[in-house]
C-alpha atoms as a PDB file:
ATOM      1  CA  MET A   1       0.000   0.000   0.000  1.00  0.00           C
ATOM      2  CA  LYS A   2       1.259   3.471  -0.822  1.00  0.00           C
ATOM      3  CA  PRO A   3       2.410   5.618   2.113  1.00  0.00           C
ATOM      4  CA  TRP A   4       0.197   8.565   1.148  1.00  0.00           C
ATOM      5  CA  VAL A   5      -2.894   6.316   1.305  1.00  0.00           C
ATOM      6  CA  VAL A   6      -1.989   5.201   4.834  1.00  0.00           C
ATOM      7  CA  PHE A   7      -1.180   8.770   5.889  1.00  0.00           C
ATOM      8  CA  THR A   8      -4.420  10.145   4.452  1.00  0.00           C
ATOM      9  CA  GLY A   9      -6.453   7.350   6.031  1.00  0.00           C
ATOM     10  CA  TYR A  10      -4.822   8.007   9.385  1.00  0.00           C
ATOM     11  CA  LEU A  11      -5.619  11.725   9.208  1.00  0.00           C
ATOM     12  CA  LEU A  12      -9.230  11.025   8.260  1.00  0.00           C
ATOM     13  CA  LEU A  13      -9.667   8.589  11.147  1.00  0.00           C
ATOM     14  CA  VAL A  14      -8.040  10.758  13.817  1.00  0.00           C
ATOM     15  CA  ASN A  15     -10.066  13.814  12.727  1.00  0.00           C
ATOM     16  CA  LEU A  16     -13.279  11.794  12.697  1.00  0.00           C
ATOM     17  CA  LEU A  17     -12.386  10.595  16.197  1.00  0.00           C
ATOM     18  CA  GLY A  18     -11.956  14.202  17.382  1.00  0.00           C
ATOM     19  CA  LEU A  19     -15.294  15.219  15.877  1.00  0.00           C
ATOM     20  CA  LEU A  20     -17.147  12.244  17.362  1.00  0.00           C
ATOM     21  CA  MET A  21     -15.553  12.786  20.763  1.00  0.00           C
ATOM     22  CA  MET A  22     -16.839  16.372  20.793  1.00  0.00           C
ATOM     23  CA  GLY A  23     -20.350  15.215  19.944  1.00  0.00           C
ATOM     24  CA  LEU A  24     -20.258  12.503  22.595  1.00  0.00           C
ATOM     25  CA  ASP A  25     -18.952  14.876  25.254  1.00  0.00           C
ATOM     26  CA  LYS A  26     -21.644  17.442  24.419  1.00  0.00           C
ATOM     27  CA  SER A  27     -24.280  14.741  24.756  1.00  0.00           C
ATOM     28  CA  ARG A  28     -22.840  13.640  28.090  1.00  0.00           C
ATOM     29  CA  ALA A  29     -22.753  17.253  29.293  1.00  0.00           C
ATOM     30  CA  ARG A  30     -26.464  17.625  28.600  1.00  0.00           C
ATOM     31  CA  THR A  31     -27.397  14.438  30.465  1.00  0.00           C
ATOM     32  CA  GLY A  32     -24.988  14.848  33.380  1.00  0.00           C
ATOM     33  CA  ALA A  33     -23.091  11.658  32.517  1.00  0.00           C
ATOM     34  CA  ARG A  34     -19.352  11.132  32.968  1.00  0.00           C
ATOM     35  CA  ARG A  35     -17.412  13.477  30.657  1.00  0.00           C
ATOM     36  CA  ILE A  36     -14.393  12.981  28.414  1.00  0.00           C
ATOM     37  CA  PRO A  37     -11.291  14.581  29.982  1.00  0.00           C
ATOM     38  CA  GLU A  38      -9.972  17.670  28.183  1.00  0.00           C
ATOM     39  CA  ARG A  39      -6.555  16.025  28.036  1.00  0.00           C
ATOM     40  CA  ARG A  40      -7.919  13.448  25.585  1.00  0.00           C
ATOM     41  CA  PHE A  41      -9.114  16.162  23.219  1.00  0.00           C
ATOM     42  CA  LEU A  42      -5.679  17.764  23.345  1.00  0.00           C
ATOM     43  CA  LEU A  43      -3.958  14.417  22.701  1.00  0.00           C
ATOM     44  CA  VAL A  44      -6.177  13.762  19.690  1.00  0.00           C
ATOM     45  CA  SER A  45      -5.362  17.270  18.451  1.00  0.00           C
ATOM     46  CA  LEU A  46      -1.628  16.665  18.841  1.00  0.00           C
ATOM     47  CA  ALA A  47      -1.970  13.337  17.040  1.00  0.00           C
ATOM     48  CA  GLY A  48      -3.232  15.139  13.940  1.00  0.00           C
ATOM     49  CA  GLY A  49      -6.915  15.518  14.763  1.00  0.00           C
ATOM     50  CA  ALA A  50      -6.989  19.246  15.487  1.00  0.00           C
ATOM     51  CA  ALA A  51      -9.218  19.956  12.489  1.00  0.00           C
ATOM     52  CA  GLY A  52     -11.780  17.403  13.686  1.00  0.00           C
ATOM     53  CA  VAL A  53     -11.778  18.840  17.199  1.00  0.00           C
ATOM     54  CA  ILE A  54     -12.239  22.365  15.810  1.00  0.00           C
ATOM     55  CA  LEU A  55     -15.059  21.166  13.569  1.00  0.00           C
ATOM     56  CA  GLY A  56     -16.660  19.590  16.643  1.00  0.00           C
ATOM     57  CA  LEU A  57     -16.277  22.843  18.587  1.00  0.00           C
ATOM     58  CA  ARG A  58     -18.162  24.713  15.910  1.00  0.00           C
ATOM     59  CA  SER A  59     -20.713  22.030  15.001  1.00  0.00           C
ATOM     60  CA  PHE A  60     -21.792  21.196  18.542  1.00  0.00           C
ATOM     61  CA  ARG A  61     -21.082  24.631  20.077  1.00  0.00           C
ATOM     62  CA  HIS A  62     -19.130  22.853  22.763  1.00  0.00           C
ATOM     63  CA  LYS A  63     -16.187  24.163  24.821  1.00  0.00           C
ATOM     64  CA  THR A  64     -15.978  27.272  22.673  1.00  0.00           C
ATOM     65  CA  ARG A  65     -15.118  29.537  25.616  1.00  0.00           C
ATOM     66  CA  HIS A  66     -12.315  27.391  27.002  1.00  0.00           C
ATOM     67  CA  PHE A  67      -8.880  28.868  26.288  1.00  0.00           C
ATOM     68  CA  LYS A  68      -7.465  25.425  25.494  1.00  0.00           C
ATOM     69  CA  PHE A  69      -9.979  24.916  22.739  1.00  0.00           C
ATOM     70  CA  ALA A  70     -10.432  28.475  21.479  1.00  0.00           C
ATOM     71  CA  VAL A  71      -6.697  29.189  21.201  1.00  0.00           C
ATOM     72  CA  VAL A  72      -4.468  26.165  21.848  1.00  0.00           C
ATOM     73  CA  VAL A  73      -6.136  23.684  19.471  1.00  0.00           C
ATOM     74  CA  PRO A  74      -6.131  26.146  16.513  1.00  0.00           C
ATOM     75  CA  VAL A  75      -2.453  26.908  17.235  1.00  0.00           C
ATOM     76  CA  ILE A  76      -1.735  23.160  17.176  1.00  0.00           C
ATOM     77  CA  MET A  77      -3.470  22.904  13.811  1.00  0.00           C
ATOM     78  CA  VAL A  78      -1.537  25.842  12.341  1.00  0.00           C
ATOM     79  CA  LEU A  79       1.754  24.355  13.552  1.00  0.00           C
ATOM     80  CA  GLN A  80       0.851  20.983  12.045  1.00  0.00           C
ATOM     81  CA  VAL A  81       0.009  22.575   8.694  1.00  0.00           C
ATOM     82  CA  LEU A  82       3.264  24.554   8.726  1.00  0.00           C
ATOM     83  CA  ALA A  83       5.226  21.405   9.587  1.00  0.00           C
ATOM     84  CA  ALA A  84       3.509  19.491   6.778  1.00  0.00           C
ATOM     85  CA  VAL A  85       4.301  22.241   4.254  1.00  0.00           C
ATOM     86  CA  TRP A  86       7.913  22.346   5.401  1.00  0.00           C
ATOM     87  CA  LEU A  87       8.266  18.554   5.188  1.00  0.00           C
ATOM     88  CA  TRP A  88       6.646  18.538   1.760  1.00  0.00           C
ATOM     89  CA  GLN A  89       9.045  21.205   0.495  1.00  0.00           C
ATOM     90  CA  LYS A  90      11.988  19.197   1.822  1.00  0.00           C
ATOM     91  CA  GLY A  91      10.730  16.079   0.048  1.00  0.00           C
ATOM     92  CA  PHE A  92       9.866  14.101   3.193  1.00  0.00           C
ATOM     93  CA  MET A  93       6.118  13.855   2.609  1.00  0.00           C
ATOM     94  CA  PRO A  94       4.887  10.600   1.095  1.00  0.00           C
ATOM     95  CA  PHE A  95       3.027  12.298  -1.790  1.00  0.00           C
END
């Protein structure tokens, strides 16, 4: 299998995970059930799922006032995009 297919699949899965986690946590917040720790959202963001977490913030209107999610997660995403562009220019990206 080509590396770019694996890389793209990974990014799709980790971003979908971030989006679904936001939806699940919002649902749990409404019902008073046990919540997902903020650390897990940040770990998913660092693992490449920042776009999914941001999409979940906006879609579910969840955690939008928290500094970690309003500022830190978008900064993580910008840094990841800049790193990807730099790696691509250096010829290290698999596509």
